[in-house]
N, C-alpha and C. Protein backbone atom coordinates (compact mmCIF):
# COMPACT_ATOMS: atom_id res chain seq x y z
N UNK A 1 -38.97 -19.59 -16.43
CA UNK A 1 -40.09 -19.07 -17.27
C UNK A 1 -40.65 -19.90 -18.93
N UNK A 2 -41.41 -20.86 -18.51
CA UNK A 2 -42.08 -20.94 -19.87
C UNK A 2 -42.76 -20.48 -20.92
N UNK A 3 -42.47 -19.83 -21.89
CA UNK A 3 -43.42 -19.40 -22.44
C UNK A 3 -44.55 -19.99 -23.46
N UNK A 4 -45.37 -19.03 -23.42
CA UNK A 4 -47.10 -19.99 -24.15
C UNK A 4 -46.48 -19.96 -25.76
N UNK A 5 -47.14 -20.86 -26.19
CA UNK A 5 -46.77 -21.44 -27.60
C UNK A 5 -48.11 -21.48 -28.27
N UNK A 6 -48.14 -20.76 -29.04
CA UNK A 6 -49.27 -20.18 -29.56
C UNK A 6 -49.88 -21.90 -30.04
N UNK A 7 -51.75 -21.92 -30.16
CA UNK A 7 -51.92 -23.27 -30.28
C UNK A 7 -51.59 -23.31 -31.89
N UNK A 8 -52.03 -22.37 -32.32
CA UNK A 8 -51.99 -22.04 -34.35
C UNK A 8 -50.36 -23.40 -34.70
N UNK A 9 -49.52 -22.95 -33.49
CA UNK A 9 -48.40 -22.98 -34.25
C UNK A 9 -48.25 -24.59 -34.38
N UNK A 10 -48.65 -24.89 -32.99
CA UNK A 10 -48.92 -26.59 -32.68
C UNK A 10 -49.88 -27.40 -33.54
N UNK A 11 -50.93 -26.91 -33.75
CA UNK A 11 -51.49 -27.72 -34.61
C UNK A 11 -51.12 -27.16 -36.63
N UNK A 12 -50.46 -26.02 -36.66
CA UNK A 12 -50.06 -26.42 -38.35
C UNK A 12 -48.96 -27.51 -37.87
N UNK A 13 -48.19 -27.72 -37.22
CA UNK A 13 -47.04 -28.53 -36.97
C UNK A 13 -47.66 -30.24 -37.28
N UNK A 14 -48.51 -30.08 -36.47
CA UNK A 14 -49.48 -31.75 -36.35
C UNK A 14 -50.32 -32.06 -37.23
N UNK A 15 -50.69 -31.24 -38.30
CA UNK A 15 -51.07 -31.04 -39.67
C UNK A 15 -50.64 -31.83 -40.36
N UNK A 16 -48.91 -31.36 -40.99
CA UNK A 16 -48.25 -31.14 -41.59
C UNK A 16 -47.89 -32.97 -41.07
N UNK A 17 -47.85 -33.45 -40.15
CA UNK A 17 -47.25 -34.40 -39.75
C UNK A 17 -48.27 -35.46 -39.93
N UNK A 18 -49.46 -34.98 -39.46
CA UNK A 18 -50.61 -35.77 -40.26
C UNK A 18 -50.94 -36.43 -41.72
N UNK A 19 -50.44 -35.61 -42.53
CA UNK A 19 -50.68 -35.79 -43.73
C UNK A 19 -49.65 -36.54 -44.50
N UNK A 20 -48.48 -37.18 -43.62
CA UNK A 20 -47.10 -37.84 -43.91
C UNK A 20 -47.81 -39.15 -43.21
N UNK A 21 -48.38 -40.33 -43.64
CA UNK A 21 -48.75 -41.15 -43.09
C UNK A 21 -47.28 -41.97 -42.70
N UNK A 22 -46.16 -41.91 -43.77
CA UNK A 22 -45.45 -42.58 -43.24
C UNK A 22 -43.86 -42.03 -42.41
N UNK A 23 -44.43 -40.89 -42.11
CA UNK A 23 -43.88 -39.70 -40.72
C UNK A 23 -43.14 -38.96 -41.81
N UNK A 24 -41.96 -37.68 -41.01
CA UNK A 24 -41.01 -37.26 -41.95
C UNK A 24 -40.21 -36.98 -40.88
N UNK A 25 -38.68 -36.20 -41.20
CA UNK A 25 -37.70 -36.17 -40.30
C UNK A 25 -38.20 -34.89 -40.38
N UNK A 26 -37.05 -33.97 -39.42
CA UNK A 26 -37.18 -32.56 -38.70
C UNK A 26 -36.82 -31.82 -40.19
N UNK A 27 -35.03 -32.07 -41.13
CA UNK A 27 -35.58 -31.06 -42.14
C UNK A 27 -36.38 -31.03 -43.38
N UNK A 28 -37.50 -32.22 -43.64
CA UNK A 28 -38.85 -32.31 -44.31
C UNK A 28 -39.67 -31.16 -43.94
N UNK A 29 -39.36 -31.28 -41.96
CA UNK A 29 -41.04 -30.97 -41.66
C UNK A 29 -40.18 -29.37 -42.18
N UNK A 30 -39.37 -28.77 -41.92
CA UNK A 30 -38.68 -27.72 -41.55
C UNK A 30 -38.55 -27.02 -43.32
N UNK A 31 -39.09 -27.53 -44.54
CA UNK A 31 -39.36 -27.46 -45.28
C UNK A 31 -40.92 -27.28 -46.43
N UNK A 32 -41.31 -27.88 -45.32
CA UNK A 32 -42.44 -28.08 -45.33
C UNK A 32 -43.36 -26.78 -44.66
N UNK A 33 -42.80 -26.71 -43.91
CA UNK A 33 -43.18 -25.09 -42.68
C UNK A 33 -42.96 -23.78 -43.09
N UNK A 34 -41.94 -23.81 -44.09
CA UNK A 34 -40.95 -22.81 -45.07
C UNK A 34 -42.16 -21.95 -45.23
N UNK A 35 -43.11 -21.96 -45.70
CA UNK A 35 -44.20 -21.37 -46.80
C UNK A 35 -45.40 -20.89 -45.52
N UNK A 36 -45.48 -21.41 -43.90
CA UNK A 36 -46.11 -20.91 -43.41
C UNK A 36 -45.48 -20.29 -41.93
N UNK A 37 -44.20 -20.91 -41.78
CA UNK A 37 -43.61 -20.49 -40.19
C UNK A 37 -42.20 -20.26 -40.74
N UNK A 38 -42.08 -18.85 -41.64
CA UNK A 38 -40.65 -18.93 -42.26
C UNK A 38 -39.58 -19.07 -41.32
N UNK A 39 -39.50 -17.57 -40.05
CA UNK A 39 -38.53 -17.56 -38.79
C UNK A 39 -38.02 -18.44 -38.03
N UNK A 40 -39.28 -19.73 -37.85
CA UNK A 40 -38.89 -20.73 -37.22
C UNK A 40 -37.88 -21.41 -37.28
N UNK A 41 -36.43 -21.73 -36.08
CA UNK A 41 -35.42 -21.95 -36.08
C UNK A 41 -35.23 -23.59 -35.47
N UNK A 42 -34.29 -24.13 -35.93
CA UNK A 42 -34.68 -26.01 -35.68
C UNK A 42 -34.78 -26.00 -34.46
N UNK A 43 -34.03 -25.28 -33.58
CA UNK A 43 -34.59 -25.07 -31.90
C UNK A 43 -35.93 -25.17 -31.38
N UNK A 44 -36.49 -24.77 -32.27
CA UNK A 44 -37.39 -23.73 -31.58
C UNK A 44 -38.86 -24.77 -31.72
N UNK A 45 -38.17 -25.18 -33.70
CA UNK A 45 -39.17 -26.83 -33.96
C UNK A 45 -38.69 -27.47 -33.03
N UNK A 46 -37.34 -27.95 -32.71
CA UNK A 46 -37.46 -28.83 -32.00
C UNK A 46 -38.06 -28.95 -30.58
N UNK A 47 -38.47 -27.68 -29.97
CA UNK A 47 -39.34 -27.67 -28.63
C UNK A 47 -41.00 -27.37 -28.73
N UNK A 48 -40.85 -27.55 -30.04
CA UNK A 48 -42.52 -27.56 -30.44
C UNK A 48 -42.83 -29.32 -30.57
N UNK A 49 -42.15 -29.86 -31.30
CA UNK A 49 -42.64 -31.44 -31.13
C UNK A 49 -42.58 -32.01 -30.15
N UNK A 50 -41.55 -31.56 -29.18
CA UNK A 50 -41.09 -32.05 -27.99
C UNK A 50 -42.87 -32.18 -26.72
N UNK A 51 -43.24 -30.53 -27.48
CA UNK A 51 -44.14 -30.89 -26.67
C UNK A 51 -45.83 -31.15 -27.04
N UNK A 52 -45.60 -31.42 -28.85
CA UNK A 52 -46.54 -32.33 -29.35
C UNK A 52 -46.26 -33.86 -28.56
N UNK A 53 -45.54 -34.31 -28.72
CA UNK A 53 -45.29 -35.54 -27.79
C UNK A 53 -45.56 -35.69 -26.62
N UNK A 54 -45.06 -34.45 -26.04
CA UNK A 54 -45.71 -34.71 -24.45
C UNK A 54 -47.32 -34.74 -24.25
N UNK A 55 -47.71 -34.13 -25.47
CA UNK A 55 -49.06 -34.11 -25.14
C UNK A 55 -49.55 -35.06 -25.97
N UNK A 56 -48.77 -35.97 -26.20
CA UNK A 56 -49.24 -37.61 -26.90
C UNK A 56 -50.48 -37.36 -28.70
N UNK A 57 -49.70 -36.17 -29.00
CA UNK A 57 -50.38 -36.37 -30.49
C UNK A 57 -49.62 -36.69 -31.54
N UNK A 58 -48.24 -36.81 -31.72
CA UNK A 58 -47.51 -37.31 -32.52
C UNK A 58 -46.75 -38.45 -31.76
N UNK A 59 -46.17 -39.21 -32.15
CA UNK A 59 -45.30 -39.88 -31.66
C UNK A 59 -44.03 -40.12 -32.70
N UNK A 60 -42.43 -40.56 -31.92
CA UNK A 60 -41.40 -40.20 -32.67
C UNK A 60 -40.58 -42.13 -33.30
N UNK A 61 -39.83 -42.21 -34.21
CA UNK A 61 -39.40 -43.30 -34.67
C UNK A 61 -38.12 -43.68 -34.77
N UNK A 62 -36.94 -44.47 -34.75
CA UNK A 62 -35.82 -43.91 -34.78
C UNK A 62 -35.58 -43.46 -33.77
N UNK A 63 -33.78 -43.02 -33.76
CA UNK A 63 -32.79 -41.91 -33.34
C UNK A 63 -31.96 -41.03 -33.80
N UNK A 64 -31.49 -40.02 -33.29
CA UNK A 64 -30.65 -39.52 -34.00
C UNK A 64 -31.08 -38.15 -35.72
N UNK A 65 -30.16 -38.83 -36.24
CA UNK A 65 -30.43 -38.62 -38.21
C UNK A 65 -31.90 -39.05 -38.04
N UNK A 66 -31.74 -40.51 -38.29
CA UNK A 66 -32.80 -41.36 -38.70
C UNK A 66 -34.41 -40.92 -37.84
N UNK A 67 -33.98 -40.25 -37.06
CA UNK A 67 -35.60 -39.92 -36.54
C UNK A 67 -36.78 -39.53 -36.74
N UNK A 68 -37.79 -40.27 -36.79
CA UNK A 68 -39.04 -39.43 -37.67
C UNK A 68 -40.07 -38.96 -37.21
N UNK A 69 -41.09 -38.62 -37.00
CA UNK A 69 -42.13 -37.92 -36.54
C UNK A 69 -43.54 -38.51 -37.30
N UNK A 70 -44.13 -39.08 -36.46
CA UNK A 70 -45.80 -39.70 -36.89
C UNK A 70 -47.02 -39.25 -36.33
N UNK A 71 -47.76 -39.77 -37.26
CA UNK A 71 -48.81 -39.90 -35.89
C UNK A 71 -49.16 -40.23 -35.33
N UNK A 72 -50.20 -40.59 -33.95
CA UNK A 72 -50.13 -41.18 -32.88
C UNK A 72 -51.69 -42.61 -33.92
N UNK A 73 -51.12 -43.63 -33.79
CA UNK A 73 -51.44 -44.83 -34.45
C UNK A 73 -53.38 -44.77 -33.77
N UNK A 74 -54.11 -44.71 -33.77
CA UNK A 74 -55.45 -45.23 -33.45
C UNK A 74 -55.33 -46.56 -33.15
N UNK A 75 -55.79 -46.44 -31.81
CA UNK A 75 -56.68 -47.86 -31.47
C UNK A 75 -57.85 -48.20 -31.01
N UNK A 76 -58.27 -48.64 -31.80
CA UNK A 76 -60.30 -49.15 -31.67
C UNK A 76 -60.03 -49.96 -30.53
N UNK A 77 -60.85 -49.87 -29.64
CA UNK A 77 -61.14 -50.89 -28.54
C UNK A 77 -62.85 -51.37 -28.53
N UNK A 78 -62.50 -52.46 -29.11
CA UNK A 78 -64.01 -52.87 -28.89
C UNK A 78 -64.81 -53.04 -27.55
N UNK A 79 -66.19 -52.30 -27.64
CA UNK A 79 -66.38 -52.23 -26.72
C UNK A 79 -67.14 -53.66 -25.88
N UNK A 80 -66.98 -55.27 -26.83
CA UNK A 80 -66.89 -56.33 -26.16
C UNK A 80 -65.66 -56.50 -24.85
N UNK A 81 -64.23 -55.91 -25.59
CA UNK A 81 -63.05 -55.66 -24.20
C UNK A 81 -63.17 -54.87 -23.57
N UNK A 82 -64.15 -54.54 -23.44
CA UNK A 82 -64.59 -53.17 -22.51
C UNK A 82 -65.57 -53.57 -21.11
N UNK A 83 -65.82 -53.95 -19.54
CA UNK A 83 -67.04 -54.64 -18.89
C UNK A 83 -66.15 -53.43 -17.70
N UNK A 84 -67.15 -53.67 -16.75
CA UNK A 84 -67.19 -53.12 -15.09
C UNK A 84 -67.17 -53.90 -14.45
N UNK A 85 -65.81 -53.77 -13.71
CA UNK A 85 -65.41 -54.33 -12.15
C UNK A 85 -67.00 -54.01 -11.31
N UNK A 86 -66.30 -54.98 -10.15
CA UNK A 86 -67.66 -54.71 -8.53
C UNK A 86 -67.36 -53.53 -8.46
N UNK A 87 -66.34 -52.96 -8.68
CA UNK A 87 -66.31 -51.11 -7.84
C UNK A 87 -66.73 -50.16 -8.66
N UNK A 88 -67.22 -50.60 -10.42
CA UNK A 88 -67.41 -49.93 -11.82
C UNK A 88 -66.68 -48.67 -11.87
N UNK A 89 -65.39 -49.59 -11.62
CA UNK A 89 -64.41 -48.92 -12.87
C UNK A 89 -64.40 -49.85 -14.62
N UNK A 90 -64.22 -49.03 -15.08
CA UNK A 90 -64.27 -50.12 -16.32
C UNK A 90 -62.51 -50.88 -16.58
N UNK A 91 -62.57 -51.92 -16.82
CA UNK A 91 -61.37 -52.81 -17.06
C UNK A 91 -61.50 -53.43 -18.40
N UNK A 92 -60.35 -53.17 -19.50
CA UNK A 92 -60.21 -53.21 -20.23
C UNK A 92 -59.18 -54.57 -20.38
N UNK A 93 -59.79 -55.40 -21.52
CA UNK A 93 -58.92 -56.25 -21.10
C UNK A 93 -58.08 -56.47 -22.80
N UNK A 94 -56.84 -57.78 -22.91
CA UNK A 94 -56.18 -58.00 -24.69
C UNK A 94 -57.09 -59.09 -24.26
N UNK A 95 -57.24 -59.08 -26.05
CA UNK A 95 -57.91 -60.55 -26.38
C UNK A 95 -57.66 -60.83 -27.53
N UNK A 96 -57.92 -61.70 -28.27
CA UNK A 96 -58.04 -62.82 -29.47
C UNK A 96 -59.45 -61.68 -29.83
N UNK A 97 -59.61 -61.46 -31.37
CA UNK A 97 -60.76 -61.48 -32.16
C UNK A 97 -61.73 -62.45 -31.76
N UNK A 98 -63.09 -62.64 -31.24
CA UNK A 98 -63.63 -63.52 -31.50
C UNK A 98 -64.67 -63.24 -32.85
N UNK A 99 -65.89 -63.82 -32.72
CA UNK A 99 -66.97 -64.08 -33.73
C UNK A 99 -67.49 -63.43 -32.65
N UNK A 100 -69.20 -63.24 -33.95
CA UNK A 100 -70.44 -62.39 -32.44
C UNK A 100 -70.53 -63.33 -31.84
N UNK A 101 -70.63 -64.32 -31.92
CA UNK A 101 -71.42 -66.34 -31.37
C UNK A 101 -70.16 -65.86 -29.83
N UNK A 102 -68.64 -66.06 -30.37
CA UNK A 102 -67.45 -66.10 -29.49
C UNK A 102 -68.12 -64.89 -28.74
N UNK A 103 -68.27 -63.93 -28.83
CA UNK A 103 -68.60 -62.82 -27.85
C UNK A 103 -69.53 -62.65 -27.06
N UNK A 104 -71.04 -63.25 -27.46
CA UNK A 104 -72.28 -64.32 -26.82
C UNK A 104 -71.58 -64.99 -25.32
N UNK A 105 -70.62 -65.74 -26.08
CA UNK A 105 -70.22 -66.87 -25.08
C UNK A 105 -68.83 -65.81 -23.55
N UNK A 106 -68.33 -65.26 -24.53
CA UNK A 106 -67.77 -64.56 -23.50
C UNK A 106 -68.37 -63.74 -22.26
N UNK A 107 -69.69 -62.96 -22.94
CA UNK A 107 -70.61 -62.06 -22.72
C UNK A 107 -71.04 -63.50 -21.61
N UNK A 108 -71.42 -64.24 -21.47
CA UNK A 108 -71.75 -64.91 -20.41
C UNK A 108 -71.03 -65.60 -19.39
N UNK A 109 -70.34 -66.06 -20.14
CA UNK A 109 -68.68 -66.76 -18.94
C UNK A 109 -68.48 -65.91 -17.92
N UNK A 110 -68.19 -64.46 -18.26
CA UNK A 110 -67.76 -62.98 -17.49
C UNK A 110 -69.37 -62.91 -16.37
N UNK A 111 -70.33 -63.61 -16.25
CA UNK A 111 -71.86 -63.06 -15.57
C UNK A 111 -70.97 -63.30 -14.12
N UNK A 112 -71.81 -62.82 -13.30
CA UNK A 112 -71.35 -63.09 -11.98
C UNK A 112 -71.79 -65.04 -11.52
N UNK A 113 -71.20 -66.06 -11.32
CA UNK A 113 -71.41 -67.65 -10.58
C UNK A 113 -72.86 -67.55 -9.76
N UNK A 114 -72.38 -66.15 -8.53
CA UNK A 114 -73.94 -66.55 -8.01
C UNK A 114 -74.17 -64.86 -8.35
N UNK A 115 -75.04 -64.43 -7.28
CA UNK A 115 -75.94 -63.14 -6.95
C UNK A 115 -74.99 -62.28 -6.08
N UNK A 116 -74.48 -61.57 -6.25
CA UNK A 116 -73.58 -60.86 -5.42
C UNK A 116 -72.50 -60.84 -5.96
N UNK A 117 -71.63 -62.01 -6.16
CA UNK A 117 -70.35 -62.46 -6.32
C UNK A 117 -70.12 -61.43 -7.87
N UNK A 118 -68.82 -61.37 -8.05
CA UNK A 118 -68.05 -61.10 -9.00
C UNK A 118 -67.11 -61.91 -9.80
N UNK A 119 -66.99 -62.20 -11.10
CA UNK A 119 -66.29 -63.57 -11.73
C UNK A 119 -65.63 -63.00 -12.85
N UNK A 120 -64.34 -63.19 -11.66
CA UNK A 120 -63.09 -62.37 -12.45
C UNK A 120 -62.43 -63.09 -13.27
N UNK A 121 -61.48 -62.11 -14.69
CA UNK A 121 -61.60 -62.96 -15.18
C UNK A 121 -60.47 -63.83 -14.72
């Protein structure tokens, strides 16, 4: 049976990780948490970190003693890269950035060839 983890603990750990853009190791994180959560042991902290990873709130880089916890990178998807298919489902394309004129041309190319037909990229 899993124990309920206080959201405040998870939020605090995440906030400390977010404050370090270069990321930080578990021993540095333990020191940063010492004032806020003085009785948290390393294994408990590892479980909290795993939970944050599973919730996609943080990521890790490296392995073993070189493991570093970091913020999740922010991915911005331009609206021009998202369009709807015939079924109404939004589809995201990977693309090379283009100028505003190029964006207009992309939108024209995506228009149906004939009424009722869809132009698939």
